C-alpha atoms as a PDB file:
ATOM      1  CA  UNK A   1      27.424 -22.978 -21.697  1.00  0.00           C
ATOM      2  CA  UNK A   2      24.131 -22.258 -20.843  1.00  0.00           C
ATOM      3  CA  UNK A   3      22.072 -20.096 -23.605  1.00  0.00           C
ATOM      4  CA  UNK A   4      21.930 -16.187 -22.734  1.00  0.00           C
ATOM      5  CA  UNK A   5      18.745 -14.987 -21.627  1.00  0.00           C
ATOM      6  CA  UNK A   6      17.809 -11.358 -22.238  1.00  0.00           C
ATOM      7  CA  UNK A   7      15.105  -8.850 -21.060  1.00  0.00           C
ATOM      8  CA  UNK A   8      11.438  -8.660 -22.574  1.00  0.00           C
ATOM      9  CA  UNK A   9       8.903  -6.048 -23.189  1.00  0.00           C
ATOM     10  CA  UNK A  10       6.019  -6.916 -21.328  1.00  0.00           C
ATOM     11  CA  UNK A  11       2.667  -6.910 -22.686  1.00  0.00           C
ATOM     12  CA  UNK A  12       0.318  -4.508 -21.084  1.00  0.00           C
ATOM     13  CA  UNK A  13      -2.121  -6.230 -18.933  1.00  0.00           C
ATOM     14  CA  UNK A  14      -5.111  -4.106 -20.600  1.00  0.00           C
ATOM     15  CA  UNK A  15      -5.898  -2.457 -23.983  1.00  0.00           C
ATOM     16  CA  UNK A  16      -4.158   0.659 -25.024  1.00  0.00           C
ATOM     17  CA  UNK A  17      -7.443   2.667 -24.479  1.00  0.00           C
ATOM     18  CA  UNK A  18      -8.593   1.171 -21.243  1.00  0.00           C
ATOM     19  CA  UNK A  19      -7.014   3.644 -19.061  1.00  0.00           C
ATOM     20  CA  UNK A  20      -8.647   6.707 -20.834  1.00  0.00           C
ATOM     21  CA  UNK A  21      -9.313   9.449 -20.005  1.00  0.00           C
ATOM     22  CA  UNK A  22      -6.933   9.514 -17.212  1.00  0.00           C
ATOM     23  CA  UNK A  23      -4.049   8.164 -19.789  1.00  0.00           C
ATOM     24  CA  UNK A  24      -4.374   8.351 -23.409  1.00  0.00           C
ATOM     25  CA  UNK A  25      -4.109   5.754 -25.971  1.00  0.00           C
ATOM     26  CA  UNK A  26      -1.130   7.820 -27.636  1.00  0.00           C
ATOM     27  CA  UNK A  27       0.703   8.188 -24.009  1.00  0.00           C
ATOM     28  CA  UNK A  28       0.404   4.674 -23.405  1.00  0.00           C
ATOM     29  CA  UNK A  29       1.878   3.680 -26.678  1.00  0.00           C
ATOM     30  CA  UNK A  30       4.747   6.158 -26.600  1.00  0.00           C
ATOM     31  CA  UNK A  31       5.720   5.051 -22.847  1.00  0.00           C
ATOM     32  CA  UNK A  32       5.420   1.257 -23.490  1.00  0.00           C
ATOM     33  CA  UNK A  33       6.254   0.826 -27.125  1.00  0.00           C
ATOM     34  CA  UNK A  34       8.921   3.301 -27.206  1.00  0.00           C
ATOM     35  CA  UNK A  35      10.351   4.310 -23.978  1.00  0.00           C
ATOM     36  CA  UNK A  36       9.938   1.200 -22.221  1.00  0.00           C
ATOM     37  CA  UNK A  37      11.301  -0.528 -25.272  1.00  0.00           C
ATOM     38  CA  UNK A  38      14.269   1.357 -25.358  1.00  0.00           C
ATOM     39  CA  UNK A  39      15.191   0.586 -21.713  1.00  0.00           C
ATOM     40  CA  UNK A  40      14.651  -3.073 -22.692  1.00  0.00           C
ATOM     41  CA  UNK A  41      16.688  -2.918 -25.930  1.00  0.00           C
ATOM     42  CA  UNK A  42      19.480  -0.775 -24.097  1.00  0.00           C
ATOM     43  CA  UNK A  43      19.927  -3.213 -21.668  1.00  0.00           C
ATOM     44  CA  UNK A  44      19.885  -6.253 -23.908  1.00  0.00           C
ATOM     45  CA  UNK A  45      22.473  -4.444 -26.200  1.00  0.00           C
ATOM     46  CA  UNK A  46      24.641  -3.782 -22.898  1.00  0.00           C
ATOM     47  CA  UNK A  47      24.551  -7.764 -22.162  1.00  0.00           C
ATOM     48  CA  UNK A  48      25.553  -8.393 -25.541  1.00  0.00           C
ATOM     49  CA  UNK A  49      28.266  -5.942 -25.667  1.00  0.00           C
ATOM     50  CA  UNK A  50      29.658  -7.463 -22.710  1.00  0.00           C
ATOM     51  CA  UNK A  51      29.266 -11.116 -23.784  1.00  0.00           C
ATOM     52  CA  UNK A  52      31.347 -10.075 -26.918  1.00  0.00           C
ATOM     53  CA  UNK A  53      34.130  -8.292 -25.021  1.00  0.00           C
ATOM     54  CA  UNK A  54      34.512 -11.451 -22.569  1.00  0.00           C
ATOM     55  CA  UNK A  55      34.468 -13.960 -25.711  1.00  0.00           C
ATOM     56  CA  UNK A  56      37.093 -11.527 -27.051  1.00  0.00           C
ATOM     57  CA  UNK A  57      39.307 -11.065 -23.825  1.00  0.00           C
ATOM     58  CA  UNK A  58      38.965  -7.406 -24.419  1.00  0.00           C
ATOM     59  CA  UNK A  59      38.507  -4.680 -21.393  1.00  0.00           C
ATOM     60  CA  UNK A  60      35.378  -3.166 -20.791  1.00  0.00           C
ATOM     61  CA  UNK A  61      34.750   0.130 -18.965  1.00  0.00           C
ATOM     62  CA  UNK A  62      33.184  -1.279 -15.974  1.00  0.00           C
ATOM     63  CA  UNK A  63      32.361   1.881 -14.286  1.00  0.00           C
ATOM     64  CA  UNK A  64      30.175   3.397 -17.515  1.00  0.00           C
ATOM     65  CA  UNK A  65      28.946   0.063 -18.441  1.00  0.00           C
ATOM     66  CA  UNK A  66      27.542  -0.603 -15.233  1.00  0.00           C
ATOM     67  CA  UNK A  67      25.840   2.642 -14.726  1.00  0.00           C
ATOM     68  CA  UNK A  68      24.343   2.282 -18.204  1.00  0.00           C
ATOM     69  CA  UNK A  69      23.329  -1.100 -17.375  1.00  0.00           C
ATOM     70  CA  UNK A  70      21.846  -0.060 -14.003  1.00  0.00           C
ATOM     71  CA  UNK A  71      19.888   2.930 -15.684  1.00  0.00           C
ATOM     72  CA  UNK A  72      18.509   0.667 -18.393  1.00  0.00           C
ATOM     73  CA  UNK A  73      17.664  -2.450 -15.737  1.00  0.00           C
ATOM     74  CA  UNK A  74      16.209   0.231 -13.804  1.00  0.00           C
ATOM     75  CA  UNK A  75      13.922   2.031 -16.390  1.00  0.00           C
ATOM     76  CA  UNK A  76      12.582  -1.742 -17.430  1.00  0.00           C
ATOM     77  CA  UNK A  77      11.937  -2.781 -13.646  1.00  0.00           C
ATOM     78  CA  UNK A  78      10.199   0.518 -13.021  1.00  0.00           C
ATOM     79  CA  UNK A  79       7.964   0.568 -15.955  1.00  0.00           C
ATOM     80  CA  UNK A  80       7.019  -3.264 -15.624  1.00  0.00           C
ATOM     81  CA  UNK A  81       5.883  -2.609 -12.103  1.00  0.00           C
ATOM     82  CA  UNK A  82       3.873   0.516 -13.146  1.00  0.00           C
ATOM     83  CA  UNK A  83       2.087  -1.527 -15.678  1.00  0.00           C
ATOM     84  CA  UNK A  84       1.208  -4.033 -13.307  1.00  0.00           C
ATOM     85  CA  UNK A  85       0.092  -1.630 -10.741  1.00  0.00           C
ATOM     86  CA  UNK A  86      -2.641   0.512 -13.550  1.00  0.00           C
ATOM     87  CA  UNK A  87      -5.864  -0.799 -13.861  1.00  0.00           C
ATOM     88  CA  UNK A  88      -9.096   0.787 -16.014  1.00  0.00           C
ATOM     89  CA  UNK A  89     -10.965   2.791 -13.679  1.00  0.00           C
ATOM     90  CA  UNK A  90     -14.173   0.078 -13.501  1.00  0.00           C
ATOM     91  CA  UNK A  91     -11.614  -2.445 -12.042  1.00  0.00           C
ATOM     92  CA  UNK A  92      -9.501   0.123 -10.039  1.00  0.00           C
ATOM     93  CA  UNK A  93     -10.202  -0.223  -6.266  1.00  0.00           C
ATOM     94  CA  UNK A  94      -9.011   1.325  -2.852  1.00  0.00           C
ATOM     95  CA  UNK A  95      -6.276  -0.410  -1.206  1.00  0.00           C
ATOM     96  CA  UNK A  96      -7.055  -2.877   1.837  1.00  0.00           C
ATOM     97  CA  UNK A  97      -5.656  -5.057   3.940  1.00  0.00           C
ATOM     98  CA  UNK A  98      -2.074  -4.503   5.338  1.00  0.00           C
ATOM     99  CA  UNK A  99      -1.735  -1.900   2.533  1.00  0.00           C
ATOM    100  CA  UNK A 100      -4.853   0.060   3.150  1.00  0.00           C
ATOM    101  CA  UNK A 101      -4.209  -0.139   6.797  1.00  0.00           C
ATOM    102  CA  UNK A 102      -0.459   1.247   6.562  1.00  0.00           C
ATOM    103  CA  UNK A 103      -1.487   4.082   4.380  1.00  0.00           C
ATOM    104  CA  UNK A 104      -4.213   5.125   6.683  1.00  0.00           C
ATOM    105  CA  UNK A 105      -2.013   4.818   9.931  1.00  0.00           C
ATOM    106  CA  UNK A 106       0.915   7.224   8.202  1.00  0.00           C
ATOM    107  CA  UNK A 107      -0.926   9.609   6.014  1.00  0.00           C
ATOM    108  CA  UNK A 108      -4.661   9.808   7.804  1.00  0.00           C
ATOM    109  CA  UNK A 109      -6.555   9.731   4.455  1.00  0.00           C
ATOM    110  CA  UNK A 110      -6.061   8.221   0.804  1.00  0.00           C
ATOM    111  CA  UNK A 111      -6.623  11.817  -0.485  1.00  0.00           C
ATOM    112  CA  UNK A 112      -3.538  12.923   1.790  1.00  0.00           C
ATOM    113  CA  UNK A 113      -1.408  10.129   0.570  1.00  0.00           C
ATOM    114  CA  UNK A 114      -2.303  10.989  -3.169  1.00  0.00           C
ATOM    115  CA  UNK A 115      -1.276  14.406  -2.549  1.00  0.00           C
ATOM    116  CA  UNK A 116       2.085  13.700  -1.125  1.00  0.00           C
ATOM    117  CA  UNK A 117       2.911  10.726  -3.502  1.00  0.00           C
ATOM    118  CA  UNK A 118       1.931  12.732  -6.273  1.00  0.00           C
ATOM    119  CA  UNK A 119       4.179  15.376  -5.219  1.00  0.00           C
ATOM    120  CA  UNK A 120       7.316  13.425  -4.912  1.00  0.00           C
ATOM    121  CA  UNK A 121       6.886  12.384  -8.407  1.00  0.00           C
ATOM    122  CA  UNK A 122       6.442  15.653  -9.617  1.00  0.00           C
ATOM    123  CA  UNK A 123       9.236  17.076  -7.575  1.00  0.00           C
ATOM    124  CA  UNK A 124      11.697  14.160  -8.721  1.00  0.00           C
ATOM    125  CA  UNK A 125      14.660  15.722 -10.545  1.00  0.00           C
ATOM    126  CA  UNK A 126      15.654  13.635 -13.409  1.00  0.00           C
ATOM    127  CA  UNK A 127      13.312  10.722 -13.794  1.00  0.00           C
ATOM    128  CA  UNK A 128       9.966  11.537 -12.125  1.00  0.00           C
ATOM    129  CA  UNK A 129       9.636   8.221 -10.374  1.00  0.00           C
ATOM    130  CA  UNK A 130       8.128   7.926  -6.959  1.00  0.00           C
ATOM    131  CA  UNK A 131       7.992   4.863  -5.148  1.00  0.00           C
ATOM    132  CA  UNK A 132       6.138   3.542  -1.914  1.00  0.00           C
ATOM    133  CA  UNK A 133       8.146   1.613   0.308  1.00  0.00           C
ATOM    134  CA  UNK A 134       7.823   0.035   4.053  1.00  0.00           C
ATOM    135  CA  UNK A 135      11.030   0.561   6.310  1.00  0.00           C
ATOM    136  CA  UNK A 136      11.063  -2.012   9.115  1.00  0.00           C
ATOM    137  CA  UNK A 137      13.686   0.022  11.026  1.00  0.00           C
ATOM    138  CA  UNK A 138      11.334   2.876  11.324  1.00  0.00           C
ATOM    139  CA  UNK A 139       7.833   1.049  11.600  1.00  0.00           C
ATOM    140  CA  UNK A 140       5.907   1.625  14.658  1.00  0.00           C
ATOM    141  CA  UNK A 141       4.873  -1.172  17.160  1.00  0.00           C
END
């Protein structure tokens, strides 16, 4: 049987102080070292529980286990995407290329996009996550 692989907390691609004054060192440490780590540890704990149950031939409440696993893996993936999309102000840039054009076509201005995207995140009950996606079925010509 192959060796089991588990989720790993990724290193931040920047220093904890790199996003100040927008995101403080304390907030980054809290969200990376505590919240994100909790999702990783939670997912890995569930995977270990599943392995033990399978080895023992024990039944598992799959509905509850699947819900718990998807919550933790989702939190891990969203945080990982979040970290990889942040940059210190000196390295940040406006979206360009296809993304820049799509944002301009859909929202008119970056200011309008930021306003709507921020409102979506603030207004999301429960998680506070907002994600930008492109749907090929509704995309214009």
